[in-house]
Amino acid sequence: MRNITHIVLHCTATPAGREVSVKEIDRWHRQAGFAKIGYHYVIHLDGSVSTGRPLEEPGAHVAGHNATTIGISYVGGVDANDINKAVDTRTPAQKAAMERLVKGLKARFPAAEVLGHRDFPNVAKACPSFDARKWWAEVSQVPGIPGIPTPAASKPAGKSYTVVKGDSLSAIARKHGVDLFKLAEINGRVNTVLNIGEVLKLP
């Protein structure tokens, strides 16, 4: 795995309320000369999270800093009627998903600093259209999102596991040789839906 120094938040710079697929972003980035989509994660209007580049690969989202960063972009970032006006268009679902994803990544890469694209030197953009430093300072002090384990709650003396794309509770239980029902119980799971970046306790 790469040495991760920063988790960088972006926006797609698309009008509020307009959904954008990973396939569409991939097309934009290829047209710009990238090998493929430059972000590692994309957060959609409904709060669902899609993966872009594999986390193990450097992204293409902050010039000069891609080797050691993780790029996360939410769909939106500009006014619905004026694409030149930067606006924090995150829906409540996107805000919750962003908090969950970043907390999960911070649990895996605790030394990584959370910044917005505009916080890097020589970046003349408003991206991600909100103050990422201020946002993280606020949400990192909150115990967490109801029903979602936080890094603090997920890292007791025992072992933990960070959910990746394609995971299921049963697959994780088999992989680590633990009882499925015990795994669900200690994580307070009433369903089997997992979120990428979520940290689970292991029996």
C-alpha atoms as a PDB file:
ATOM      1  CA  MET A   1       0.000   0.000   0.000  1.00  0.00           C
ATOM      2  CA  ARG A   2       1.137   3.573  -0.685  1.00  0.00           C
ATOM      3  CA  ASN A   3       2.247   5.936   2.074  1.00  0.00           C
ATOM      4  CA  ILE A   4      -0.831   8.147   2.532  1.00  0.00           C
ATOM      5  CA  THR A   5      -0.221  11.694   3.791  1.00  0.00           C
ATOM      6  CA  HIS A   6      -3.494  13.389   2.824  1.00  0.00           C
ATOM      7  CA  ILE A   7      -7.160  12.601   2.218  1.00  0.00           C
ATOM      8  CA  VAL A   8      -8.310  15.192  -0.315  1.00  0.00           C
ATOM      9  CA  LEU A   9     -11.914  16.277  -0.788  1.00  0.00           C
ATOM     10  CA  HIS A  10     -13.195  17.425  -4.180  1.00  0.00           C
ATOM     11  CA  CYS A  11     -16.432  18.202  -5.984  1.00  0.00           C
ATOM     12  CA  THR A  12     -17.351  17.309  -9.559  1.00  0.00           C
ATOM     13  CA  ALA A  13     -18.178  21.000 -10.261  1.00  0.00           C
ATOM     14  CA  THR A  14     -21.577  20.009 -11.644  1.00  0.00           C
ATOM     15  CA  PRO A  15     -24.905  21.775 -10.945  1.00  0.00           C
ATOM     16  CA  ALA A  16     -26.770  21.059  -7.732  1.00  0.00           C
ATOM     17  CA  GLY A  17     -29.218  18.192  -8.139  1.00  0.00           C
ATOM     18  CA  ARG A  18     -27.623  16.710 -11.239  1.00  0.00           C
ATOM     19  CA  GLU A  19     -26.381  13.159 -10.740  1.00  0.00           C
ATOM     20  CA  VAL A  20     -23.118  12.078 -12.356  1.00  0.00           C
ATOM     21  CA  SER A  21     -21.920   8.519 -12.835  1.00  0.00           C
ATOM     22  CA  VAL A  22     -18.413   7.189 -12.359  1.00  0.00           C
ATOM     23  CA  LYS A  23     -18.500   6.218 -16.028  1.00  0.00           C
ATOM     24  CA  GLU A  24     -19.150   9.836 -17.002  1.00  0.00           C
ATOM     25  CA  ILE A  25     -16.353  11.159 -14.776  1.00  0.00           C
ATOM     26  CA  ASP A  26     -14.038   8.506 -16.205  1.00  0.00           C
ATOM     27  CA  ARG A  27     -14.852   9.768 -19.704  1.00  0.00           C
ATOM     28  CA  TRP A  28     -14.125  13.386 -18.709  1.00  0.00           C
ATOM     29  CA  HIS A  29     -10.787  12.462 -17.191  1.00  0.00           C
ATOM     30  CA  ARG A  30      -9.729  10.327 -20.152  1.00  0.00           C
ATOM     31  CA  GLN A  31     -10.582  13.240 -22.455  1.00  0.00           C
ATOM     32  CA  ALA A  32      -8.334  15.410 -20.251  1.00  0.00           C
ATOM     33  CA  GLY A  33      -5.473  12.992 -20.859  1.00  0.00           C
ATOM     34  CA  PHE A  34      -5.688  10.841 -17.719  1.00  0.00           C
ATOM     35  CA  ALA A  35      -5.369   7.064 -17.937  1.00  0.00           C
ATOM     36  CA  LYS A  36      -8.766   6.732 -16.184  1.00  0.00           C
ATOM     37  CA  ILE A  37     -10.883   8.387 -13.500  1.00  0.00           C
ATOM     38  CA  GLY A  38      -8.626  10.356 -11.180  1.00  0.00           C
ATOM     39  CA  TYR A  39     -10.620   9.974  -7.937  1.00  0.00           C
ATOM     40  CA  HIS A  40     -10.540   6.955  -5.658  1.00  0.00           C
ATOM     41  CA  TYR A  41     -14.119   7.469  -4.423  1.00  0.00           C
ATOM     42  CA  VAL A  42     -17.214   9.302  -5.670  1.00  0.00           C
ATOM     43  CA  ILE A  43     -20.113  10.183  -3.349  1.00  0.00           C
ATOM     44  CA  HIS A  44     -23.469  10.358  -5.145  1.00  0.00           C
ATOM     45  CA  LEU A  45     -26.504  12.502  -4.335  1.00  0.00           C
ATOM     46  CA  ASP A  46     -28.214   9.652  -2.479  1.00  0.00           C
ATOM     47  CA  GLY A  47     -25.153   9.012  -0.322  1.00  0.00           C
ATOM     48  CA  SER A  48     -24.023   5.895  -2.141  1.00  0.00           C
ATOM     49  CA  VAL A  49     -20.270   5.618  -2.667  1.00  0.00           C
ATOM     50  CA  SER A  50     -18.658   4.345  -5.874  1.00  0.00           C
ATOM     51  CA  THR A  51     -15.019   3.402  -6.215  1.00  0.00           C
ATOM     52  CA  GLY A  52     -12.854   4.885  -8.944  1.00  0.00           C
ATOM     53  CA  ARG A  53      -9.158   4.100  -9.066  1.00  0.00           C
ATOM     54  CA  PRO A  54      -7.968   1.303  -6.786  1.00  0.00           C
ATOM     55  CA  LEU A  55      -6.730   2.729  -3.496  1.00  0.00           C
ATOM     56  CA  GLU A  56      -3.337   1.137  -4.101  1.00  0.00           C
ATOM     57  CA  GLU A  57      -2.827   3.273  -7.215  1.00  0.00           C
ATOM     58  CA  PRO A  58      -1.900   6.994  -7.202  1.00  0.00           C
ATOM     59  CA  GLY A  59      -4.834   9.099  -8.319  1.00  0.00           C
ATOM     60  CA  ALA A  60      -4.959  12.091 -10.667  1.00  0.00           C
ATOM     61  CA  HIS A  61      -6.638  14.831  -8.648  1.00  0.00           C
ATOM     62  CA  VAL A  62      -3.972  17.132  -7.100  1.00  0.00           C
ATOM     63  CA  ALA A  63      -1.022  17.961  -9.328  1.00  0.00           C
ATOM     64  CA  GLY A  64       2.259  17.143  -7.635  1.00  0.00           C
ATOM     65  CA  HIS A  65       0.628  15.312  -4.726  1.00  0.00           C
ATOM     66  CA  ASN A  66      -1.030  12.261  -6.258  1.00  0.00           C
ATOM     67  CA  ALA A  67       1.506   9.685  -5.083  1.00  0.00           C
ATOM     68  CA  THR A  68       0.628  10.050  -1.402  1.00  0.00           C
ATOM     69  CA  THR A  69      -3.017  11.147  -1.435  1.00  0.00           C
ATOM     70  CA  ILE A  70      -6.515   9.673  -1.615  1.00  0.00           C
ATOM     71  CA  GLY A  71      -9.031  11.587  -3.747  1.00  0.00           C
ATOM     72  CA  ILE A  72     -12.714  11.725  -2.765  1.00  0.00           C
ATOM     73  CA  SER A  73     -15.215  13.697  -4.831  1.00  0.00           C
ATOM     74  CA  TYR A  74     -18.856  14.404  -4.111  1.00  0.00           C
ATOM     75  CA  VAL A  75     -21.266  15.009  -6.986  1.00  0.00           C
ATOM     76  CA  GLY A  76     -22.152  18.706  -7.187  1.00  0.00           C
ATOM     77  CA  GLY A  77     -20.340  21.833  -6.060  1.00  0.00           C
ATOM     78  CA  VAL A  78     -21.811  24.626  -8.202  1.00  0.00           C
ATOM     79  CA  ASP A  79     -25.076  26.523  -8.295  1.00  0.00           C
ATOM     80  CA  ALA A  80     -27.933  24.897 -10.205  1.00  0.00           C
ATOM     81  CA  ASN A  81     -28.365  28.027 -12.336  1.00  0.00           C
ATOM     82  CA  ASP A  82     -24.824  29.389 -12.482  1.00  0.00           C
ATOM     83  CA  ILE A  83     -21.931  26.986 -13.061  1.00  0.00           C
ATOM     84  CA  ASN A  84     -19.459  29.748 -12.221  1.00  0.00           C
ATOM     85  CA  LYS A  85     -20.789  30.036  -8.662  1.00  0.00           C
ATOM     86  CA  ALA A  86     -19.216  27.623  -6.174  1.00  0.00           C
ATOM     87  CA  VAL A  87     -21.765  26.312  -3.670  1.00  0.00           C
ATOM     88  CA  ASP A  88     -21.665  23.577  -1.055  1.00  0.00           C
ATOM     89  CA  THR A  89     -24.421  21.465  -2.610  1.00  0.00           C
ATOM     90  CA  ARG A  90     -23.887  18.336  -0.500  1.00  0.00           C
ATOM     91  CA  THR A  91     -27.127  16.627   0.387  1.00  0.00           C
ATOM     92  CA  PRO A  92     -27.616  15.340   3.958  1.00  0.00           C
ATOM     93  CA  ALA A  93     -26.952  11.843   2.600  1.00  0.00           C
ATOM     94  CA  GLN A  94     -23.703  12.991   0.971  1.00  0.00           C
ATOM     95  CA  LYS A  95     -22.531  14.689   4.167  1.00  0.00           C
ATOM     96  CA  ALA A  96     -23.214  11.544   6.185  1.00  0.00           C
ATOM     97  CA  ALA A  97     -21.487   9.340   3.603  1.00  0.00           C
ATOM     98  CA  MET A  98     -18.482  11.663   3.448  1.00  0.00           C
ATOM     99  CA  GLU A  99     -18.113  11.629   7.219  1.00  0.00           C
ATOM    100  CA  ARG A 100     -18.410   7.839   7.328  1.00  0.00           C
ATOM    101  CA  LEU A 101     -15.922   7.336   4.495  1.00  0.00           C
ATOM    102  CA  VAL A 102     -13.322   9.779   5.802  1.00  0.00           C
ATOM    103  CA  LYS A 103     -13.545   8.399   9.339  1.00  0.00           C
ATOM    104  CA  GLY A 104     -13.045   4.903   7.976  1.00  0.00           C
ATOM    105  CA  LEU A 105     -10.008   5.998   5.980  1.00  0.00           C
ATOM    106  CA  LYS A 106      -8.592   7.901   8.951  1.00  0.00           C
ATOM    107  CA  ALA A 107      -8.880   4.725  11.010  1.00  0.00           C
ATOM    108  CA  ARG A 108      -6.746   2.995   8.403  1.00  0.00           C
ATOM    109  CA  PHE A 109      -4.392   5.944   7.789  1.00  0.00           C
ATOM    110  CA  PRO A 110      -4.411   7.878  11.095  1.00  0.00           C
ATOM    111  CA  ALA A 111      -1.527  10.181  10.129  1.00  0.00           C
ATOM    112  CA  ALA A 112      -3.277  11.437   6.981  1.00  0.00           C
ATOM    113  CA  GLU A 113      -4.411  15.060   7.001  1.00  0.00           C
ATOM    114  CA  VAL A 114      -7.864  15.926   5.631  1.00  0.00           C
ATOM    115  CA  LEU A 115      -7.791  18.847   3.180  1.00  0.00           C
ATOM    116  CA  GLY A 116      -9.804  20.290   0.332  1.00  0.00           C
ATOM    117  CA  HIS A 117      -8.362  20.564  -3.176  1.00  0.00           C
ATOM    118  CA  ARG A 118      -8.179  24.348  -2.788  1.00  0.00           C
ATOM    119  CA  ASP A 119      -5.983  24.013   0.315  1.00  0.00           C
ATOM    120  CA  PHE A 120      -2.979  22.909  -1.736  1.00  0.00           C
ATOM    121  CA  PRO A 121      -0.422  25.453  -3.011  1.00  0.00           C
ATOM    122  CA  ASN A 122      -0.988  26.985  -6.433  1.00  0.00           C
ATOM    123  CA  VAL A 123      -4.560  25.687  -6.746  1.00  0.00           C
ATOM    124  CA  ALA A 124      -6.770  28.435  -8.159  1.00  0.00           C
ATOM    125  CA  LYS A 125     -10.064  26.643  -7.638  1.00  0.00           C
ATOM    126  CA  ALA A 126     -12.889  26.798  -5.094  1.00  0.00           C
ATOM    127  CA  CYS A 127     -13.065  22.985  -5.042  1.00  0.00           C
ATOM    128  CA  PRO A 128     -14.627  21.375  -3.003  1.00  0.00           C
ATOM    129  CA  SER A 129     -16.805  24.483  -2.482  1.00  0.00           C
ATOM    130  CA  PHE A 130     -16.627  24.267   1.323  1.00  0.00           C
ATOM    131  CA  ASP A 131     -13.950  24.579   3.983  1.00  0.00           C
ATOM    132  CA  ALA A 132     -12.723  20.993   4.314  1.00  0.00           C
ATOM    133  CA  ARG A 133     -10.390  21.771   7.220  1.00  0.00           C
ATOM    134  CA  LYS A 134     -13.211  23.351   9.232  1.00  0.00           C
ATOM    135  CA  TRP A 135     -15.634  20.553   8.328  1.00  0.00           C
ATOM    136  CA  TRP A 136     -13.216  17.852   9.482  1.00  0.00           C
ATOM    137  CA  ALA A 137     -12.391  19.726  12.704  1.00  0.00           C
ATOM    138  CA  GLU A 138     -16.112  19.719  13.491  1.00  0.00           C
ATOM    139  CA  VAL A 139     -17.126  16.191  12.504  1.00  0.00           C
ATOM    140  CA  SER A 140     -14.026  14.529  13.935  1.00  0.00           C
ATOM    141  CA  GLN A 141     -15.158  15.680  17.385  1.00  0.00           C
ATOM    142  CA  VAL A 142     -18.588  14.105  16.955  1.00  0.00           C
ATOM    143  CA  PRO A 143     -18.927  10.514  18.274  1.00  0.00           C
ATOM    144  CA  GLY A 144     -20.223   9.391  14.899  1.00  0.00           C
ATOM    145  CA  ILE A 145     -23.222   8.749  12.702  1.00  0.00           C
ATOM    146  CA  PRO A 146     -26.046   6.769  14.343  1.00  0.00           C
ATOM    147  CA  GLY A 147     -25.723   3.087  13.533  1.00  0.00           C
ATOM    148  CA  ILE A 148     -22.239   3.426  12.047  1.00  0.00           C
ATOM    149  CA  PRO A 149     -19.184   2.374  14.082  1.00  0.00           C
ATOM    150  CA  THR A 150     -16.673   5.197  14.464  1.00  0.00           C
ATOM    151  CA  PRO A 151     -12.897   4.708  14.467  1.00  0.00           C
ATOM    152  CA  ALA A 152     -12.796   5.367  18.213  1.00  0.00           C
ATOM    153  CA  ALA A 153     -15.488   2.787  18.877  1.00  0.00           C
ATOM    154  CA  SER A 154     -14.056   0.374  16.376  1.00  0.00           C
ATOM    155  CA  LYS A 155     -10.527   0.165  17.712  1.00  0.00           C
ATOM    156  CA  PRO A 156     -10.597  -1.428  21.136  1.00  0.00           C
ATOM    157  CA  ALA A 157      -7.846  -3.733  22.313  1.00  0.00           C
ATOM    158  CA  GLY A 158      -8.942  -6.361  19.790  1.00  0.00           C
ATOM    159  CA  LYS A 159      -8.526  -6.585  16.040  1.00  0.00           C
ATOM    160  CA  SER A 160     -10.439  -4.613  13.420  1.00  0.00           C
ATOM    161  CA  TYR A 161     -11.087  -4.775   9.682  1.00  0.00           C
ATOM    162  CA  THR A 162     -11.795  -1.992   7.154  1.00  0.00           C
ATOM    163  CA  VAL A 163     -14.487  -2.835   4.611  1.00  0.00           C
ATOM    164  CA  VAL A 164     -13.495  -2.767   0.930  1.00  0.00           C
ATOM    165  CA  LYS A 165     -15.533  -3.063  -2.260  1.00  0.00           C
ATOM    166  CA  GLY A 166     -17.215  -6.453  -2.655  1.00  0.00           C
ATOM    167  CA  ASP A 167     -17.097  -7.357   1.041  1.00  0.00           C
ATOM    168  CA  SER A 168     -19.953  -9.024   2.894  1.00  0.00           C
ATOM    169  CA  LEU A 169     -20.277 -10.037   6.525  1.00  0.00           C
ATOM    170  CA  SER A 170     -20.187 -13.706   5.631  1.00  0.00           C
ATOM    171  CA  ALA A 171     -17.094 -13.284   3.434  1.00  0.00           C
ATOM    172  CA  ILE A 172     -15.290 -11.356   6.181  1.00  0.00           C
ATOM    173  CA  ALA A 173     -16.242 -14.011   8.734  1.00  0.00           C
ATOM    174  CA  ARG A 174     -14.868 -16.770   6.485  1.00  0.00           C
ATOM    175  CA  LYS A 175     -11.693 -14.819   5.696  1.00  0.00           C
ATOM    176  CA  HIS A 176     -10.863 -14.294   9.363  1.00  0.00           C
ATOM    177  CA  GLY A 177     -12.187 -17.630  10.621  1.00  0.00           C
ATOM    178  CA  VAL A 178     -14.772 -16.110  12.951  1.00  0.00           C
ATOM    179  CA  ASP A 179     -18.401 -16.878  13.655  1.00  0.00           C
ATOM    180  CA  LEU A 180     -20.762 -14.861  11.427  1.00  0.00           C
ATOM    181  CA  PHE A 181     -23.347 -14.283  14.152  1.00  0.00           C
ATOM    182  CA  LYS A 182     -20.684 -13.223  16.644  1.00  0.00           C
ATOM    183  CA  LEU A 183     -19.253 -10.789  14.077  1.00  0.00           C
ATOM    184  CA  ALA A 184     -22.701  -9.269  13.535  1.00  0.00           C
ATOM    185  CA  GLU A 185     -23.412  -9.127  17.267  1.00  0.00           C
ATOM    186  CA  ILE A 186     -20.244  -7.317  18.370  1.00  0.00           C
ATOM    187  CA  ASN A 187     -20.733  -4.730  15.617  1.00  0.00           C
ATOM    188  CA  GLY A 188     -24.386  -4.181  16.446  1.00  0.00           C
ATOM    189  CA  ARG A 189     -25.475  -5.195  12.963  1.00  0.00           C
ATOM    190  CA  VAL A 190     -29.164  -5.742  12.322  1.00  0.00           C
ATOM    191  CA  ASN A 191     -28.575  -6.041   8.582  1.00  0.00           C
ATOM    192  CA  THR A 192     -25.740  -7.116   6.321  1.00  0.00           C
ATOM    193  CA  VAL A 193     -25.323  -3.896   4.317  1.00  0.00           C
ATOM    194  CA  LEU A 194     -21.706  -2.732   4.547  1.00  0.00           C
ATOM    195  CA  ASN A 195     -20.175   0.592   3.576  1.00  0.00           C
ATOM    196  CA  ILE A 196     -16.770   0.951   1.960  1.00  0.00           C
ATOM    197  CA  GLY A 197     -14.331   2.343   4.538  1.00  0.00           C
ATOM    198  CA  GLU A 198     -16.413   1.156   7.507  1.00  0.00           C
ATOM    199  CA  VAL A 199     -14.334  -0.364  10.311  1.00  0.00           C
ATOM    200  CA  LEU A 200     -15.594  -3.587  11.913  1.00  0.00           C
ATOM    201  CA  LYS A 201     -14.487  -5.165  15.164  1.00  0.00           C
ATOM    202  CA  LEU A 202     -13.313  -8.763  14.888  1.00  0.00           C
ATOM    203  CA  PRO A 203     -14.100 -11.324  17.617  1.00  0.00           C
END
